[in-house]
Amino acid sequence: MGDARYCVKRILCKYGYPPDQQEKATQTVIQQAEVLSEAWAAT
């Protein structure tokens, strides 16, 4: 999970996402990935 979080933060930084909003955005992306992976695993 740490690698995914690191990658998300790098991408946000690369595209100029505001630093004060990066933690919330990272959490959102990780949550979305978990939901998608559960859906894919169920099929």
PDB file of N, CA and C in Angstrom:
ATOM      1  N   MET A   1       0.833  -1.199   0.000  1.00  0.00           N
ATOM      2  CA  MET A   1       0.000   0.000   0.000  1.00  0.00           C
ATOM      3  C   MET A   1       0.872   1.255   0.000  1.00  0.00           C
ATOM      4  N   GLY A   2       2.010   1.188   0.637  1.00  0.00           N
ATOM      5  CA  GLY A   2       2.883   2.352   0.694  1.00  0.00           C
ATOM      6  C   GLY A   2       3.384   2.784  -0.676  1.00  0.00           C
ATOM      7  N   ASP A   3       3.670   1.798  -1.530  1.00  0.00           N
ATOM      8  CA  ASP A   3       4.128   2.112  -2.884  1.00  0.00           C
ATOM      9  C   ASP A   3       3.049   2.831  -3.679  1.00  0.00           C
ATOM     10  N   ALA A   4       1.809   2.390  -3.520  1.00  0.00           N
ATOM     11  CA  ALA A   4       0.703   3.020  -4.239  1.00  0.00           C
ATOM     12  C   ALA A   4       0.521   4.458  -3.769  1.00  0.00           C
ATOM     13  N   ARG A   5       0.590   4.660  -2.458  1.00  0.00           N
ATOM     14  CA  ARG A   5       0.447   6.010  -1.889  1.00  0.00           C
ATOM     15  C   ARG A   5       1.552   6.933  -2.419  1.00  0.00           C
ATOM     16  N   TYR A   6       2.766   6.403  -2.480  1.00  0.00           N
ATOM     17  CA  TYR A   6       3.902   7.177  -2.983  1.00  0.00           C
ATOM     18  C   TYR A   6       3.688   7.568  -4.451  1.00  0.00           C
ATOM     19  N   CYS A   7       3.231   6.617  -5.248  1.00  0.00           N
ATOM     20  CA  CYS A   7       2.990   6.889  -6.668  1.00  0.00           C
ATOM     21  C   CYS A   7       1.905   7.944  -6.855  1.00  0.00           C
ATOM     22  N   VAL A   8       0.842   7.844  -6.082  1.00  0.00           N
ATOM     23  CA  VAL A   8      -0.245   8.825  -6.188  1.00  0.00           C
ATOM     24  C   VAL A   8       0.271  10.216  -5.834  1.00  0.00           C
ATOM     25  N   LYS A   9       1.043  10.321  -4.761  1.00  0.00           N
ATOM     26  CA  LYS A   9       1.567  11.629  -4.348  1.00  0.00           C
ATOM     27  C   LYS A   9       2.498  12.213  -5.407  1.00  0.00           C
ATOM     28  N   ARG A  10       3.316  11.366  -6.027  1.00  0.00           N
ATOM     29  CA  ARG A  10       4.212  11.851  -7.087  1.00  0.00           C
ATOM     30  C   ARG A  10       3.428  12.373  -8.276  1.00  0.00           C
ATOM     31  N   ILE A  11       2.372  11.647  -8.656  1.00  0.00           N
ATOM     32  CA  ILE A  11       1.553  12.081  -9.787  1.00  0.00           C
ATOM     33  C   ILE A  11       0.855  13.403  -9.471  1.00  0.00           C
ATOM     34  N   LEU A  12       0.323  13.522  -8.259  1.00  0.00           N
ATOM     35  CA  LEU A  12      -0.329  14.780  -7.868  1.00  0.00           C
ATOM     36  C   LEU A  12       0.655  15.940  -7.928  1.00  0.00           C
ATOM     37  N   CYS A  13       1.840  15.708  -7.422  1.00  0.00           N
ATOM     38  CA  CYS A  13       2.866  16.761  -7.425  1.00  0.00           C
ATOM     39  C   CYS A  13       3.267  17.116  -8.859  1.00  0.00           C
ATOM     40  N   LYS A  14       3.432  16.105  -9.693  1.00  0.00           N
ATOM     41  CA  LYS A  14       3.838  16.310 -11.086  1.00  0.00           C
ATOM     42  C   LYS A  14       2.868  17.211 -11.833  1.00  0.00           C
ATOM     43  N   TYR A  15       1.574  17.049 -11.553  1.00  0.00           N
ATOM     44  CA  TYR A  15       0.569  17.819 -12.265  1.00  0.00           C
ATOM     45  C   TYR A  15       0.082  19.044 -11.501  1.00  0.00           C
ATOM     46  N   GLY A  16       0.844  19.458 -10.482  1.00  0.00           N
ATOM     47  CA  GLY A  16       0.587  20.725  -9.817  1.00  0.00           C
ATOM     48  C   GLY A  16      -0.577  20.745  -8.848  1.00  0.00           C
ATOM     49  N   TYR A  17      -0.929  19.580  -8.292  1.00  0.00           N
ATOM     50  CA  TYR A  17      -2.026  19.536  -7.316  1.00  0.00           C
ATOM     51  C   TYR A  17      -1.590  20.280  -6.067  1.00  0.00           C
ATOM     52  N   PRO A  18      -2.446  21.101  -5.467  1.00  0.00           N
ATOM     53  CA  PRO A  18      -2.055  21.890  -4.286  1.00  0.00           C
ATOM     54  C   PRO A  18      -1.595  20.991  -3.135  1.00  0.00           C
ATOM     55  N   PRO A  19      -0.438  21.269  -2.558  1.00  0.00           N
ATOM     56  CA  PRO A  19       0.117  20.426  -1.492  1.00  0.00           C
ATOM     57  C   PRO A  19      -0.810  20.271  -0.282  1.00  0.00           C
ATOM     58  N   ASP A  20      -1.580  21.292   0.032  1.00  0.00           N
ATOM     59  CA  ASP A  20      -2.447  21.207   1.206  1.00  0.00           C
ATOM     60  C   ASP A  20      -3.650  20.286   0.975  1.00  0.00           C
ATOM     61  N   GLN A  21      -3.900  19.899  -0.250  1.00  0.00           N
ATOM     62  CA  GLN A  21      -5.029  19.018  -0.561  1.00  0.00           C
ATOM     63  C   GLN A  21      -4.583  17.622  -0.990  1.00  0.00           C
ATOM     64  N   GLN A  22      -3.284  17.380  -1.023  1.00  0.00           N
ATOM     65  CA  GLN A  22      -2.766  16.115  -1.521  1.00  0.00           C
ATOM     66  C   GLN A  22      -3.144  14.928  -0.641  1.00  0.00           C
ATOM     67  N   GLU A  23      -3.133  15.078   0.670  1.00  0.00           N
ATOM     68  CA  GLU A  23      -3.443  13.948   1.547  1.00  0.00           C
ATOM     69  C   GLU A  23      -4.871  13.460   1.343  1.00  0.00           C
ATOM     70  N   LYS A  24      -5.809  14.372   1.267  1.00  0.00           N
ATOM     71  CA  LYS A  24      -7.213  13.997   1.046  1.00  0.00           C
ATOM     72  C   LYS A  24      -7.376  13.336  -0.325  1.00  0.00           C
ATOM     73  N   ALA A  25      -6.730  13.890  -1.345  1.00  0.00           N
ATOM     74  CA  ALA A  25      -6.813  13.317  -2.695  1.00  0.00           C
ATOM     75  C   ALA A  25      -6.189  11.927  -2.730  1.00  0.00           C
ATOM     76  N   THR A  26      -5.088  11.741  -2.028  1.00  0.00           N
ATOM     77  CA  THR A  26      -4.436  10.436  -1.973  1.00  0.00           C
ATOM     78  C   THR A  26      -5.357   9.409  -1.331  1.00  0.00           C
ATOM     79  N   GLN A  27      -5.990   9.779  -0.239  1.00  0.00           N
ATOM     80  CA  GLN A  27      -6.923   8.872   0.433  1.00  0.00           C
ATOM     81  C   GLN A  27      -8.081   8.503  -0.483  1.00  0.00           C
ATOM     82  N   THR A  28      -8.580   9.474  -1.218  1.00  0.00           N
ATOM     83  CA  THR A  28      -9.695   9.228  -2.135  1.00  0.00           C
ATOM     84  C   THR A  28      -9.297   8.247  -3.236  1.00  0.00           C
ATOM     85  N   VAL A  29      -8.129   8.442  -3.810  1.00  0.00           N
ATOM     86  CA  VAL A  29      -7.657   7.557  -4.881  1.00  0.00           C
ATOM     87  C   VAL A  29      -7.457   6.135  -4.358  1.00  0.00           C
ATOM     88  N   ILE A  30      -6.882   6.003  -3.160  1.00  0.00           N
ATOM     89  CA  ILE A  30      -6.663   4.683  -2.573  1.00  0.00           C
ATOM     90  C   ILE A  30      -8.005   3.992  -2.305  1.00  0.00           C
ATOM     91  N   GLN A  31      -8.979   4.729  -1.790  1.00  0.00           N
ATOM     92  CA  GLN A  31     -10.312   4.158  -1.540  1.00  0.00           C
ATOM     93  C   GLN A  31     -10.968   3.700  -2.843  1.00  0.00           C
ATOM     94  N   GLN A  32     -10.844   4.511  -3.877  1.00  0.00           N
ATOM     95  CA  GLN A  32     -11.418   4.143  -5.174  1.00  0.00           C
ATOM     96  C   GLN A  32     -10.749   2.886  -5.727  1.00  0.00           C
ATOM     97  N   ALA A  33      -9.445   2.782  -5.562  1.00  0.00           N
ATOM     98  CA  ALA A  33      -8.717   1.606  -6.039  1.00  0.00           C
ATOM     99  C   ALA A  33      -9.161   0.354  -5.278  1.00  0.00           C
ATOM    100  N   GLU A  34      -9.400   0.493  -3.973  1.00  0.00           N
ATOM    101  CA  GLU A  34      -9.864  -0.651  -3.185  1.00  0.00           C
ATOM    102  C   GLU A  34     -11.239  -1.117  -3.658  1.00  0.00           C
ATOM    103  N   VAL A  35     -12.135  -0.185  -3.922  1.00  0.00           N
ATOM    104  CA  VAL A  35     -13.476  -0.535  -4.393  1.00  0.00           C
ATOM    105  C   VAL A  35     -13.396  -1.231  -5.753  1.00  0.00           C
ATOM    106  N   LEU A  36     -12.592  -0.685  -6.648  1.00  0.00           N
ATOM    107  CA  LEU A  36     -12.442  -1.297  -7.973  1.00  0.00           C
ATOM    108  C   LEU A  36     -11.827  -2.690  -7.882  1.00  0.00           C
ATOM    109  N   SER A  37     -10.824  -2.855  -7.030  1.00  0.00           N
ATOM    110  CA  SER A  37     -10.180  -4.165  -6.931  1.00  0.00           C
ATOM    111  C   SER A  37     -11.145  -5.203  -6.364  1.00  0.00           C
ATOM    112  N   GLU A  38     -12.005  -4.801  -5.430  1.00  0.00           N
ATOM    113  CA  GLU A  38     -13.013  -5.718  -4.904  1.00  0.00           C
ATOM    114  C   GLU A  38     -14.000  -6.120  -5.996  1.00  0.00           C
ATOM    115  N   ALA A  39     -14.394  -5.144  -6.810  1.00  0.00           N
ATOM    116  CA  ALA A  39     -15.332  -5.420  -7.895  1.00  0.00           C
ATOM    117  C   ALA A  39     -14.704  -6.350  -8.938  1.00  0.00           C
ATOM    118  N   TRP A  40     -13.445  -6.111  -9.254  1.00  0.00           N
ATOM    119  CA  TRP A  40     -12.761  -6.957 -10.234  1.00  0.00           C
ATOM    120  C   TRP A  40     -12.565  -8.361  -9.695  1.00  0.00           C
ATOM    121  N   ALA A  41     -12.285  -8.478  -8.405  1.00  0.00           N
ATOM    122  CA  ALA A  41     -12.058  -9.789  -7.799  1.00  0.00           C
ATOM    123  C   ALA A  41     -13.348 -10.606  -7.773  1.00  0.00           C
ATOM    124  N   ALA A  42     -14.492  -9.919  -7.694  1.00  0.00           N
ATOM    125  CA  ALA A  42     -15.772 -10.604  -7.615  1.00  0.00           C
ATOM    126  C   ALA A  42     -16.236 -11.147  -8.967  1.00  0.00           C
ATOM    127  N   THR A  43     -15.666 -10.640 -10.043  1.00  0.00           N
ATOM    128  CA  THR A  43     -16.118 -11.087 -11.372  1.00  0.00           C
ATOM    129  C   THR A  43     -15.332 -12.266 -11.870  1.00  0.00           C
TER     130      THR A  43
END
